[in-house]
Amino acid sequence: MATLLSGAAFGAAMLASGFHHPSVVISQLKFENWHMFQTFMTATAASAAIYTVAERLGYVNLKPRSNSPLGLFSKYDGNIVGGALLGAGMALAGACPGTMLAQIGAGVRTGLFTLQGAVLGGIIWTGFLSKLVKRHKEKVGSKTDTSTLSEQLGLPRAATLILFETACIAFVATTTLYTLPAPEPKIMGYVGGLLIGAAQLISLLTRRSMMGISSSYEEIGKHFWWRLGGADGNSKPGHGNIIFSAGVLGGAFGLAQLAPRLVGPPATEVSPVLAVIGGALMIIGSRMAGGCTSGHGISGISLLSTSSVITIASTFAAGAAVAFSLA
């Protein structure tokens, strides 16, 4: 029940933030509007503050996100390549692994096509690509490690956190004052970010863990192959992440029914073909990187994980390149 509840809070927060509109994601990647970044930065800053308090109180003690090496050119090559694939998929589908569920909850058809691609991506990753990556890593002896921004900067965690919070506040304040608001969302970006931060608080209080979405599609892929008598031995895969995603969908749908004003005008739909391709790329990329815009972004960066910063930087850089090429 706690998993379902925290997922529902996250889904409702994303719908309230306007992320059920594919145009919100695409316009951000084209730097036409800063609503998505405002929400993202506020949510991450709020999550970092909430986690710090919870950790100081002894309630949780989570490890920062480790890197995801492929054994090709860098210990962060999986974060870079995976993040780039995630960003490319976001530009094609106008969604990320979590917002596609908010789209479905709001009745946006694009989300259904993106979900189909995401499930396909989960099947491809678990059945084939993850095994290729694992074999290559074992062959070259790649090892994972954990690094934080504090270590990279040579500063205490408290000082790094203050710098991070200050940078987030400055960014949100500047973009809010000097850019026009997006036409679709009914609330300001920083308000949506605080709502997502509240969902993170619920997740920490009820599950003692942070939010993440893309692993649920990997679980779906594992269930697919398990049903076929394929991979991963005879043990039945877990389903906790799938339950969380079901909560996300339910939370978005419930809020859309209770407050239809938040849904707003009909969304600008994305081509079904692009949505399916984008969904597949997002999940393959996010699993290669070890997380998506929620797991690495909002949650991972709030833990000051170096790998999360690299992943999200790669995501938005590649997403912008693809979005502009499609314009």
C-alpha atoms as a PDB file:
ATOM      1  CA  MET A   1       0.000   0.000   0.000  1.00  0.00           C
ATOM      2  CA  ALA A   2       2.867   2.408   0.782  1.00  0.00           C
ATOM      3  CA  THR A   3       4.340   1.820  -2.678  1.00  0.00           C
ATOM      4  CA  LEU A   4       0.984   2.467  -4.334  1.00  0.00           C
ATOM      5  CA  LEU A   5       0.408   5.598  -2.230  1.00  0.00           C
ATOM      6  CA  SER A   6       3.783   7.151  -2.981  1.00  0.00           C
ATOM      7  CA  GLY A   7       3.325   6.400  -6.681  1.00  0.00           C
ATOM      8  CA  ALA A   8      -0.115   8.026  -6.651  1.00  0.00           C
ATOM      9  CA  ALA A   9       1.324  11.157  -5.034  1.00  0.00           C
ATOM     10  CA  PHE A  10       4.006  11.351  -7.726  1.00  0.00           C
ATOM     11  CA  GLY A  11       1.507  10.855 -10.547  1.00  0.00           C
ATOM     12  CA  ALA A  12      -0.858  13.511  -9.211  1.00  0.00           C
ATOM     13  CA  ALA A  13       2.035  15.946  -8.817  1.00  0.00           C
ATOM     14  CA  MET A  14       3.171  15.409 -12.413  1.00  0.00           C
ATOM     15  CA  LEU A  15      -0.320  15.952 -13.781  1.00  0.00           C
ATOM     16  CA  ALA A  16      -0.735  19.102 -11.687  1.00  0.00           C
ATOM     17  CA  SER A  17       2.611  20.287 -13.076  1.00  0.00           C
ATOM     18  CA  GLY A  18       1.321  19.953 -16.637  1.00  0.00           C
ATOM     19  CA  PHE A  19       3.618  17.111 -17.717  1.00  0.00           C
ATOM     20  CA  HIS A  20       0.731  15.308 -19.359  1.00  0.00           C
ATOM     21  CA  HIS A  21       1.281  17.734 -22.250  1.00  0.00           C
ATOM     22  CA  PRO A  22       3.994  16.418 -24.613  1.00  0.00           C
ATOM     23  CA  SER A  23       4.557  20.003 -25.746  1.00  0.00           C
ATOM     24  CA  VAL A  24       5.866  20.929 -22.269  1.00  0.00           C
ATOM     25  CA  VAL A  25       8.725  18.440 -22.635  1.00  0.00           C
ATOM     26  CA  ILE A  26       9.457  19.261 -26.269  1.00  0.00           C
ATOM     27  CA  SER A  27       9.375  23.045 -25.772  1.00  0.00           C
ATOM     28  CA  GLN A  28      11.857  22.675 -22.932  1.00  0.00           C
ATOM     29  CA  LEU A  29      14.252  20.641 -25.053  1.00  0.00           C
ATOM     30  CA  LYS A  30      14.027  23.393 -27.684  1.00  0.00           C
ATOM     31  CA  PHE A  31      14.619  26.004 -24.952  1.00  0.00           C
ATOM     32  CA  GLU A  32      11.383  27.714 -25.931  1.00  0.00           C
ATOM     33  CA  ASN A  33      10.033  27.549 -22.397  1.00  0.00           C
ATOM     34  CA  TRP A  34      11.607  26.767 -19.024  1.00  0.00           C
ATOM     35  CA  HIS A  35       8.640  25.274 -17.189  1.00  0.00           C
ATOM     36  CA  MET A  36      10.068  21.749 -17.137  1.00  0.00           C
ATOM     37  CA  PHE A  37      13.482  22.856 -15.830  1.00  0.00           C
ATOM     38  CA  GLN A  38      11.847  25.077 -13.205  1.00  0.00           C
ATOM     39  CA  THR A  39       9.800  22.134 -11.954  1.00  0.00           C
ATOM     40  CA  PHE A  40      12.736  19.743 -12.158  1.00  0.00           C
ATOM     41  CA  MET A  41      15.168  22.013 -10.305  1.00  0.00           C
ATOM     42  CA  THR A  42      12.654  22.874  -7.590  1.00  0.00           C
ATOM     43  CA  ALA A  43      11.734  19.222  -7.101  1.00  0.00           C
ATOM     44  CA  THR A  44      15.390  18.200  -6.896  1.00  0.00           C
ATOM     45  CA  ALA A  45      16.278  20.979  -4.464  1.00  0.00           C
ATOM     46  CA  ALA A  46      13.276  20.125  -2.293  1.00  0.00           C
ATOM     47  CA  SER A  47      14.182  16.429  -2.382  1.00  0.00           C
ATOM     48  CA  ALA A  48      17.766  17.192  -1.360  1.00  0.00           C
ATOM     49  CA  ALA A  49      16.600  19.263   1.611  1.00  0.00           C
ATOM     50  CA  ILE A  50      14.020  16.673   2.663  1.00  0.00           C
ATOM     51  CA  TYR A  51      16.499  13.826   2.436  1.00  0.00           C
ATOM     52  CA  THR A  52      19.130  15.736   4.400  1.00  0.00           C
ATOM     53  CA  VAL A  53      16.703  16.329   7.258  1.00  0.00           C
ATOM     54  CA  ALA A  54      15.548  12.693   7.207  1.00  0.00           C
ATOM     55  CA  GLU A  55      19.140  11.484   7.244  1.00  0.00           C
ATOM     56  CA  ARG A  56      20.110  13.784  10.106  1.00  0.00           C
ATOM     57  CA  LEU A  57      17.160  12.445  12.098  1.00  0.00           C
ATOM     58  CA  GLY A  58      18.402   8.907  11.470  1.00  0.00           C
ATOM     59  CA  TYR A  59      15.286   7.939   9.541  1.00  0.00           C
ATOM     60  CA  VAL A  60      17.017   6.983   6.263  1.00  0.00           C
ATOM     61  CA  ASN A  61      20.551   6.478   5.021  1.00  0.00           C
ATOM     62  CA  LEU A  62      20.659   5.992   1.264  1.00  0.00           C
ATOM     63  CA  LYS A  63      23.706   5.506  -0.916  1.00  0.00           C
ATOM     64  CA  PRO A  64      24.335   7.889  -3.819  1.00  0.00           C
ATOM     65  CA  ARG A  65      23.841   6.430  -7.280  1.00  0.00           C
ATOM     66  CA  SER A  66      26.804   4.451  -8.603  1.00  0.00           C
ATOM     67  CA  ASN A  67      28.140   4.806 -12.126  1.00  0.00           C
ATOM     68  CA  SER A  68      27.030   2.474 -14.937  1.00  0.00           C
ATOM     69  CA  PRO A  69      30.115   1.531 -16.944  1.00  0.00           C
ATOM     70  CA  LEU A  70      29.901  -0.191 -20.320  1.00  0.00           C
ATOM     71  CA  GLY A  71      33.641  -0.807 -20.533  1.00  0.00           C
ATOM     72  CA  LEU A  72      34.047   1.230 -23.726  1.00  0.00           C
ATOM     73  CA  PHE A  73      35.654   4.616 -23.130  1.00  0.00           C
ATOM     74  CA  SER A  74      34.973   5.886 -19.608  1.00  0.00           C
ATOM     75  CA  LYS A  75      33.800   4.703 -16.224  1.00  0.00           C
ATOM     76  CA  TYR A  76      30.723   6.861 -16.894  1.00  0.00           C
ATOM     77  CA  ASP A  77      30.201   5.703 -20.497  1.00  0.00           C
ATOM     78  CA  GLY A  78      26.946   3.920 -19.634  1.00  0.00           C
ATOM     79  CA  ASN A  79      25.633   7.095 -18.021  1.00  0.00           C
ATOM     80  CA  ILE A  80      26.633   9.146 -21.064  1.00  0.00           C
ATOM     81  CA  VAL A  81      25.342   6.778 -23.756  1.00  0.00           C
ATOM     82  CA  GLY A  82      22.283   5.753 -21.766  1.00  0.00           C
ATOM     83  CA  GLY A  83      21.485   9.341 -20.887  1.00  0.00           C
ATOM     84  CA  ALA A  84      21.776  10.317 -24.558  1.00  0.00           C
ATOM     85  CA  LEU A  85      19.368   7.558 -25.606  1.00  0.00           C
ATOM     86  CA  LEU A  86      16.962   8.647 -22.870  1.00  0.00           C
ATOM     87  CA  GLY A  87      17.107  12.245 -24.091  1.00  0.00           C
ATOM     88  CA  ALA A  88      16.605  11.243 -27.719  1.00  0.00           C
ATOM     89  CA  GLY A  89      13.562   9.229 -26.719  1.00  0.00           C
ATOM     90  CA  MET A  90      12.151  12.141 -24.738  1.00  0.00           C
ATOM     91  CA  ALA A  91      12.469  14.429 -27.774  1.00  0.00           C
ATOM     92  CA  LEU A  92      10.717  11.919 -30.026  1.00  0.00           C
ATOM     93  CA  ALA A  93       7.890  11.039 -27.634  1.00  0.00           C
ATOM     94  CA  GLY A  94       7.454  14.304 -25.738  1.00  0.00           C
ATOM     95  CA  ALA A  95       7.621  12.358 -22.488  1.00  0.00           C
ATOM     96  CA  CYS A  96       9.921  10.713 -19.998  1.00  0.00           C
ATOM     97  CA  PRO A  97       9.423   7.297 -18.351  1.00  0.00           C
ATOM     98  CA  GLY A  98       7.205   8.844 -15.673  1.00  0.00           C
ATOM     99  CA  THR A  99       5.309  11.526 -17.564  1.00  0.00           C
ATOM    100  CA  MET A 100       3.973   9.028 -20.106  1.00  0.00           C
ATOM    101  CA  LEU A 101       1.906   7.583 -17.247  1.00  0.00           C
ATOM    102  CA  ALA A 102       0.581  11.041 -16.398  1.00  0.00           C
ATOM    103  CA  GLN A 103      -0.336  11.421 -20.078  1.00  0.00           C
ATOM    104  CA  ILE A 104      -2.309   8.193 -20.031  1.00  0.00           C
ATOM    105  CA  GLY A 105      -4.044   9.262 -16.824  1.00  0.00           C
ATOM    106  CA  ALA A 106      -5.074  12.505 -18.497  1.00  0.00           C
ATOM    107  CA  GLY A 107      -6.401  10.717 -21.581  1.00  0.00           C
ATOM    108  CA  VAL A 108      -3.574  11.747 -23.929  1.00  0.00           C
ATOM    109  CA  ARG A 109      -3.267   9.073 -26.632  1.00  0.00           C
ATOM    110  CA  THR A 110       0.428   9.745 -27.136  1.00  0.00           C
ATOM    111  CA  GLY A 111       1.095   8.231 -23.728  1.00  0.00           C
ATOM    112  CA  LEU A 112      -0.418   4.890 -24.779  1.00  0.00           C
ATOM    113  CA  PHE A 113       1.897   4.626 -27.787  1.00  0.00           C
ATOM    114  CA  THR A 114       4.886   5.675 -25.698  1.00  0.00           C
ATOM    115  CA  LEU A 115       3.975   3.020 -23.121  1.00  0.00           C
ATOM    116  CA  GLN A 116       3.945   0.371 -25.847  1.00  0.00           C
ATOM    117  CA  GLY A 117       7.437   1.429 -26.858  1.00  0.00           C
ATOM    118  CA  ALA A 118       8.555   1.469 -23.218  1.00  0.00           C
ATOM    119  CA  VAL A 119       7.349  -2.098 -22.661  1.00  0.00           C
ATOM    120  CA  LEU A 120       9.127  -3.141 -25.865  1.00  0.00           C
ATOM    121  CA  GLY A 121      12.269  -1.402 -24.626  1.00  0.00           C
ATOM    122  CA  GLY A 122      12.055  -3.260 -21.325  1.00  0.00           C
ATOM    123  CA  ILE A 123      11.737  -6.578 -23.164  1.00  0.00           C
ATOM    124  CA  ILE A 124      14.684  -5.824 -25.458  1.00  0.00           C
ATOM    125  CA  TRP A 125      16.842  -4.671 -22.553  1.00  0.00           C
ATOM    126  CA  THR A 126      16.184  -7.627 -20.257  1.00  0.00           C
ATOM    127  CA  GLY A 127      16.218 -10.259 -22.988  1.00  0.00           C
ATOM    128  CA  PHE A 128      19.247  -9.154 -25.002  1.00  0.00           C
ATOM    129  CA  LEU A 129      21.061  -5.891 -24.353  1.00  0.00           C
ATOM    130  CA  SER A 130      21.600  -6.220 -20.608  1.00  0.00           C
ATOM    131  CA  LYS A 131      23.266  -9.592 -21.184  1.00  0.00           C
ATOM    132  CA  LEU A 132      25.555  -8.184 -23.863  1.00  0.00           C
ATOM    133  CA  VAL A 133      26.539  -5.328 -21.561  1.00  0.00           C
ATOM    134  CA  LYS A 134      27.143  -7.696 -18.654  1.00  0.00           C
ATOM    135  CA  ARG A 135      29.347 -10.022 -20.714  1.00  0.00           C
ATOM    136  CA  HIS A 136      31.418  -7.145 -22.070  1.00  0.00           C
ATOM    137  CA  LYS A 137      31.867  -5.617 -18.611  1.00  0.00           C
ATOM    138  CA  GLU A 138      33.051  -8.967 -17.275  1.00  0.00           C
ATOM    139  CA  LYS A 139      35.413  -9.361 -20.220  1.00  0.00           C
ATOM    140  CA  VAL A 140      37.113  -5.990 -19.711  1.00  0.00           C
ATOM    141  CA  GLY A 141      36.811  -6.035 -15.916  1.00  0.00           C
ATOM    142  CA  SER A 142      34.690  -2.890 -15.526  1.00  0.00           C
ATOM    143  CA  LYS A 143      33.734  -2.103 -11.943  1.00  0.00           C
ATOM    144  CA  THR A 144      31.109   0.232 -10.537  1.00  0.00           C
ATOM    145  CA  ASP A 145      31.936   2.831  -7.945  1.00  0.00           C
ATOM    146  CA  THR A 146      30.136   5.616  -6.143  1.00  0.00           C
ATOM    147  CA  SER A 147      31.209   9.229  -6.292  1.00  0.00           C
ATOM    148  CA  THR A 148      29.542  12.399  -5.030  1.00  0.00           C
ATOM    149  CA  LEU A 149      29.756  16.029  -6.028  1.00  0.00           C
ATOM    150  CA  SER A 150      31.259  16.725  -2.605  1.00  0.00           C
ATOM    151  CA  GLU A 151      34.175  14.445  -3.391  1.00  0.00           C
ATOM    152  CA  GLN A 152      34.603  15.911  -6.865  1.00  0.00           C
ATOM    153  CA  LEU A 153      34.654  19.470  -5.507  1.00  0.00           C
ATOM    154  CA  GLY A 154      36.681  18.629  -2.427  1.00  0.00           C
ATOM    155  CA  LEU A 155      34.063  20.234  -0.170  1.00  0.00           C
ATOM    156  CA  PRO A 156      32.066  19.009   2.838  1.00  0.00           C
ATOM    157  CA  ARG A 157      28.631  17.683   1.965  1.00  0.00           C
ATOM    158  CA  ALA A 158      26.931  20.556   3.800  1.00  0.00           C
ATOM    159  CA  ALA A 159      28.812  23.157   1.767  1.00  0.00           C
ATOM    160  CA  THR A 160      28.090  21.327  -1.495  1.00  0.00           C
ATOM    161  CA  LEU A 161      24.420  21.119  -0.595  1.00  0.00           C
ATOM    162  CA  ILE A 162      24.257  24.860   0.126  1.00  0.00           C
ATOM    163  CA  LEU A 163      25.897  25.626  -3.233  1.00  0.00           C
ATOM    164  CA  PHE A 164      23.485  23.290  -4.991  1.00  0.00           C
ATOM    165  CA  GLU A 165      20.400  24.743  -3.308  1.00  0.00           C
ATOM    166  CA  THR A 166      21.580  28.281  -4.067  1.00  0.00           C
ATOM    167  CA  ALA A 167      22.147  27.436  -7.731  1.00  0.00           C
ATOM    168  CA  CYS A 168      18.674  25.863  -8.007  1.00  0.00           C
ATOM    169  CA  ILE A 169      16.967  28.843  -6.389  1.00  0.00           C
ATOM    170  CA  ALA A 170      18.866  31.308  -8.573  1.00  0.00           C
ATOM    171  CA  PHE A 171      18.023  29.377 -11.735  1.00  0.00           C
ATOM    172  CA  VAL A 172      14.323  29.057 -10.921  1.00  0.00           C
ATOM    173  CA  ALA A 173      14.029  32.703  -9.868  1.00  0.00           C
ATOM    174  CA  THR A 174      15.799  33.985 -12.985  1.00  0.00           C
ATOM    175  CA  THR A 175      13.853  31.881 -15.465  1.00  0.00           C
ATOM    176  CA  THR A 176      10.562  32.646 -13.720  1.00  0.00           C
ATOM    177  CA  LEU A 177      11.147  36.398 -13.830  1.00  0.00           C
ATOM    178  CA  TYR A 178      12.524  36.700 -17.337  1.00  0.00           C
ATOM    179  CA  THR A 179      10.652  34.105 -19.426  1.00  0.00           C
ATOM    180  CA  LEU A 180       7.018  33.781 -20.363  1.00  0.00           C
ATOM    181  CA  PRO A 181       5.113  30.925 -18.661  1.00  0.00           C
ATOM    182  CA  ALA A 182       4.137  27.876 -20.707  1.00  0.00           C
ATOM    183  CA  PRO A 183       0.541  28.128 -21.960  1.00  0.00           C
ATOM    184  CA  GLU A 184      -0.497  24.565 -20.989  1.00  0.00           C
ATOM    185  CA  PRO A 185       0.307  24.105 -17.257  1.00  0.00           C
ATOM    186  CA  LYS A 186      -2.127  25.687 -14.840  1.00  0.00           C
ATOM    187  CA  ILE A 187       0.466  26.210 -12.092  1.00  0.00           C
ATOM    188  CA  MET A 188       3.933  27.735 -12.040  1.00  0.00           C
ATOM    189  CA  GLY A 189       6.932  25.461 -12.464  1.00  0.00           C
ATOM    190  CA  TYR A 190       8.265  25.987  -8.955  1.00  0.00           C
ATOM    191  CA  VAL A 191       4.851  25.134  -7.481  1.00  0.00           C
ATOM    192  CA  GLY A 192       4.835  21.878  -9.429  1.00  0.00           C
ATOM    193  CA  GLY A 193       8.354  21.204  -8.184  1.00  0.00           C
ATOM    194  CA  LEU A 194       7.249  21.639  -4.585  1.00  0.00           C
ATOM    195  CA  LEU A 195       4.386  19.195  -5.199  1.00  0.00           C
ATOM    196  CA  ILE A 196       6.828  16.630  -6.566  1.00  0.00           C
ATOM    197  CA  GLY A 197       9.043  17.320  -3.560  1.00  0.00           C
ATOM    198  CA  ALA A 198       6.052  16.530  -1.344  1.00  0.00           C
ATOM    199  CA  ALA A 199       5.632  13.245  -3.215  1.00  0.00           C
ATOM    200  CA  GLN A 200       9.289  12.506  -2.509  1.00  0.00           C
ATOM    201  CA  LEU A 201       8.627  13.171   1.175  1.00  0.00           C
ATOM    202  CA  ILE A 202       5.767  10.666   1.119  1.00  0.00           C
ATOM    203  CA  SER A 203       8.050   8.104  -0.527  1.00  0.00           C
ATOM    204  CA  LEU A 204      10.747   8.585   2.103  1.00  0.00           C
ATOM    205  CA  LEU A 205       8.276   8.456   4.989  1.00  0.00           C
ATOM    206  CA  THR A 206       6.351   5.418   3.789  1.00  0.00           C
ATOM    207  CA  ARG A 207       9.002   3.394   1.945  1.00  0.00           C
ATOM    208  CA  ARG A 208      12.312   4.813   3.219  1.00  0.00           C
ATOM    209  CA  SER A 209      13.395   5.073  -0.401  1.00  0.00           C
ATOM    210  CA  MET A 210      13.306   7.613  -3.203  1.00  0.00           C
ATOM    211  CA  MET A 211      11.215   7.684  -6.350  1.00  0.00           C
ATOM    212  CA  GLY A 212      12.182   6.088  -9.642  1.00  0.00           C
ATOM    213  CA  ILE A 213      10.201   4.838 -12.628  1.00  0.00           C
ATOM    214  CA  SER A 214      12.289   3.181 -15.332  1.00  0.00           C
ATOM    215  CA  SER A 215      13.033   0.037 -13.310  1.00  0.00           C
ATOM    216  CA  SER A 216       9.334  -0.867 -13.549  1.00  0.00           C
ATOM    217  CA  TYR A 217       9.681  -1.393 -17.300  1.00  0.00           C
ATOM    218  CA  GLU A 218      12.664  -3.627 -16.669  1.00  0.00           C
ATOM    219  CA  GLU A 219      10.467  -5.619 -14.295  1.00  0.00           C
ATOM    220  CA  ILE A 220       7.849  -5.942 -17.030  1.00  0.00           C
ATOM    221  CA  GLY A 221      10.540  -7.245 -19.379  1.00  0.00           C
ATOM    222  CA  LYS A 222      11.687  -9.785 -16.819  1.00  0.00           C
ATOM    223  CA  HIS A 223       8.136 -10.977 -16.325  1.00  0.00           C
ATOM    224  CA  PHE A 224       7.751 -11.336 -20.099  1.00  0.00           C
ATOM    225  CA  TRP A 225      10.801 -13.581 -20.404  1.00  0.00           C
ATOM    226  CA  TRP A 226       9.924 -15.478 -17.225  1.00  0.00           C
ATOM    227  CA  ARG A 227       6.489 -16.282 -18.629  1.00  0.00           C
ATOM    228  CA  LEU A 228       8.168 -17.622 -21.753  1.00  0.00           C
ATOM    229  CA  GLY A 229      10.425 -19.796 -19.607  1.00  0.00           C
ATOM    230  CA  GLY A 230      13.416 -17.748 -20.630  1.00  0.00           C
ATOM    231  CA  ALA A 231      15.883 -15.726 -18.737  1.00  0.00           C
ATOM    232  CA  ASP A 232      17.035 -15.245 -15.195  1.00  0.00           C
ATOM    233  CA  GLY A 233      16.564 -18.831 -14.091  1.00  0.00           C
ATOM    234  CA  ASN A 234      13.285 -20.086 -12.676  1.00  0.00           C
ATOM    235  CA  SER A 235      12.745 -17.438 -10.019  1.00  0.00           C
ATOM    236  CA  LYS A 236       9.728 -15.220 -10.483  1.00  0.00           C
ATOM    237  CA  PRO A 237      10.676 -11.525 -10.847  1.00  0.00           C
ATOM    238  CA  GLY A 238       9.494  -8.997  -8.310  1.00  0.00           C
ATOM    239  CA  HIS A 239       6.762  -6.461  -8.972  1.00  0.00           C
ATOM    240  CA  GLY A 240       7.279  -3.645  -6.468  1.00  0.00           C
ATOM    241  CA  ASN A 241       8.317  -1.144  -9.138  1.00  0.00           C
ATOM    242  CA  ILE A 242       5.340  -2.081 -11.311  1.00  0.00           C
ATOM    243  CA  ILE A 243       3.056  -1.348  -8.352  1.00  0.00           C
ATOM    244  CA  PHE A 244       4.702   2.053  -7.946  1.00  0.00           C
ATOM    245  CA  SER A 245       4.081   2.847 -11.620  1.00  0.00           C
ATOM    246  CA  ALA A 246       0.487   1.683 -11.314  1.00  0.00           C
ATOM    247  CA  GLY A 247       0.145   4.157  -8.469  1.00  0.00           C
ATOM    248  CA  VAL A 248       1.584   6.909 -10.679  1.00  0.00           C
ATOM    249  CA  LEU A 249      -1.015   6.177 -13.349  1.00  0.00           C
ATOM    250  CA  GLY A 250      -3.797   5.968 -10.785  1.00  0.00           C
ATOM    251  CA  GLY A 251      -2.786   9.209  -9.094  1.00  0.00           C
ATOM    252  CA  ALA A 252      -2.731  11.095 -12.382  1.00  0.00           C
ATOM    253  CA  PHE A 253      -6.072   9.646 -13.450  1.00  0.00           C
ATOM    254  CA  GLY A 254      -7.682  10.361 -10.086  1.00  0.00           C
ATOM    255  CA  LEU A 255      -6.598  13.992 -10.046  1.00  0.00           C
ATOM    256  CA  ALA A 256      -7.711  14.437 -13.658  1.00  0.00           C
ATOM    257  CA  GLN A 257     -11.200  13.283 -12.631  1.00  0.00           C
ATOM    258  CA  LEU A 258     -11.296  15.389  -9.460  1.00  0.00           C
ATOM    259  CA  ALA A 259      -9.841  18.554 -10.991  1.00  0.00           C
ATOM    260  CA  PRO A 260     -10.406  18.480 -14.771  1.00  0.00           C
ATOM    261  CA  ARG A 261      -9.352  22.134 -14.939  1.00  0.00           C
ATOM    262  CA  LEU A 262      -5.774  20.976 -14.393  1.00  0.00           C
ATOM    263  CA  VAL A 263      -5.940  18.871 -17.542  1.00  0.00           C
ATOM    264  CA  GLY A 264      -6.511  21.985 -19.595  1.00  0.00           C
ATOM    265  CA  PRO A 265      -6.964  22.119 -23.368  1.00  0.00           C
ATOM    266  CA  PRO A 266      -6.496  19.043 -25.565  1.00  0.00           C
ATOM    267  CA  ALA A 267      -2.836  18.075 -25.765  1.00  0.00           C
ATOM    268  CA  THR A 268      -0.824  18.329 -28.955  1.00  0.00           C
ATOM    269  CA  GLU A 269      -0.332  14.680 -29.868  1.00  0.00           C
ATOM    270  CA  VAL A 270       2.931  13.166 -31.109  1.00  0.00           C
ATOM    271  CA  SER A 271       3.150  10.795 -34.076  1.00  0.00           C
ATOM    272  CA  PRO A 272       2.416   7.223 -32.883  1.00  0.00           C
ATOM    273  CA  VAL A 273       5.542   5.932 -34.652  1.00  0.00           C
ATOM    274  CA  LEU A 274       7.769   8.499 -32.985  1.00  0.00           C
ATOM    275  CA  ALA A 275       6.113   7.843 -29.630  1.00  0.00           C
ATOM    276  CA  VAL A 276       6.762   4.080 -29.841  1.00  0.00           C
ATOM    277  CA  ILE A 277      10.371   4.572 -30.929  1.00  0.00           C
ATOM    278  CA  GLY A 278      10.868   7.225 -28.269  1.00  0.00           C
ATOM    279  CA  GLY A 279       9.416   5.002 -25.556  1.00  0.00           C
ATOM    280  CA  ALA A 280      11.754   2.145 -26.445  1.00  0.00           C
ATOM    281  CA  LEU A 281      14.819   4.395 -26.539  1.00  0.00           C
ATOM    282  CA  MET A 282      13.927   5.941 -23.183  1.00  0.00           C
ATOM    283  CA  ILE A 283      13.794   2.624 -21.369  1.00  0.00           C
ATOM    284  CA  ILE A 284      16.862   1.119 -23.036  1.00  0.00           C
ATOM    285  CA  GLY A 285      18.774   4.305 -22.281  1.00  0.00           C
ATOM    286  CA  SER A 286      17.573   4.708 -18.720  1.00  0.00           C
ATOM    287  CA  ARG A 287      18.346   1.088 -17.834  1.00  0.00           C
ATOM    288  CA  MET A 288      21.764   1.373 -19.451  1.00  0.00           C
ATOM    289  CA  ALA A 289      22.396   4.474 -17.326  1.00  0.00           C
ATOM    290  CA  GLY A 290      20.858   2.966 -14.196  1.00  0.00           C
ATOM    291  CA  GLY A 291      18.021   5.466 -13.883  1.00  0.00           C
ATOM    292  CA  CYS A 292      15.872   8.076 -15.625  1.00  0.00           C
ATOM    293  CA  THR A 293      14.791  11.669 -15.045  1.00  0.00           C
ATOM    294  CA  SER A 294      13.180  10.691 -11.757  1.00  0.00           C
ATOM    295  CA  GLY A 295      15.613   8.060 -10.468  1.00  0.00           C
ATOM    296  CA  HIS A 296      18.826   9.759 -11.576  1.00  0.00           C
ATOM    297  CA  GLY A 297      17.401  13.259 -11.878  1.00  0.00           C
ATOM    298  CA  ILE A 298      15.147  14.214  -8.995  1.00  0.00           C
ATOM    299  CA  SER A 299      16.334  11.464  -6.649  1.00  0.00           C
ATOM    300  CA  GLY A 300      19.930  10.823  -7.710  1.00  0.00           C
ATOM    301  CA  ILE A 301      21.010  14.439  -7.998  1.00  0.00           C
ATOM    302  CA  SER A 302      19.388  15.216  -4.641  1.00  0.00           C
ATOM    303  CA  LEU A 303      21.839  12.661  -3.183  1.00  0.00           C
ATOM    304  CA  LEU A 304      24.631  14.631  -4.925  1.00  0.00           C
ATOM    305  CA  SER A 305      25.531  11.626  -7.090  1.00  0.00           C
ATOM    306  CA  THR A 306      28.149  12.387  -9.741  1.00  0.00           C
ATOM    307  CA  SER A 307      26.753   9.696 -12.048  1.00  0.00           C
ATOM    308  CA  SER A 308      23.305  11.305 -11.879  1.00  0.00           C
ATOM    309  CA  VAL A 309      24.607  14.718 -12.901  1.00  0.00           C
ATOM    310  CA  ILE A 310      26.451  13.183 -15.857  1.00  0.00           C
ATOM    311  CA  THR A 311      23.400  11.153 -16.888  1.00  0.00           C
ATOM    312  CA  ILE A 312      20.995  14.086 -16.799  1.00  0.00           C
ATOM    313  CA  ALA A 313      23.446  16.423 -18.544  1.00  0.00           C
ATOM    314  CA  SER A 314      23.755  13.837 -21.340  1.00  0.00           C
ATOM    315  CA  THR A 315      19.984  13.427 -21.416  1.00  0.00           C
ATOM    316  CA  PHE A 316      19.177  17.063 -21.995  1.00  0.00           C
ATOM    317  CA  ALA A 317      22.083  17.650 -24.363  1.00  0.00           C
ATOM    318  CA  ALA A 318      21.030  14.776 -26.630  1.00  0.00           C
ATOM    319  CA  GLY A 319      17.351  15.628 -26.212  1.00  0.00           C
ATOM    320  CA  ALA A 320      17.969  19.203 -27.338  1.00  0.00           C
ATOM    321  CA  ALA A 321      19.971  18.041 -30.357  1.00  0.00           C
ATOM    322  CA  VAL A 322      17.213  15.669 -31.475  1.00  0.00           C
ATOM    323  CA  ALA A 323      14.414  18.175 -30.755  1.00  0.00           C
ATOM    324  CA  PHE A 324      16.093  20.839 -32.891  1.00  0.00           C
ATOM    325  CA  SER A 325      16.762  18.346 -35.692  1.00  0.00           C
ATOM    326  CA  LEU A 326      13.041  17.516 -35.803  1.00  0.00           C
ATOM    327  CA  ALA A 327      11.939  21.156 -35.831  1.00  0.00           C
END
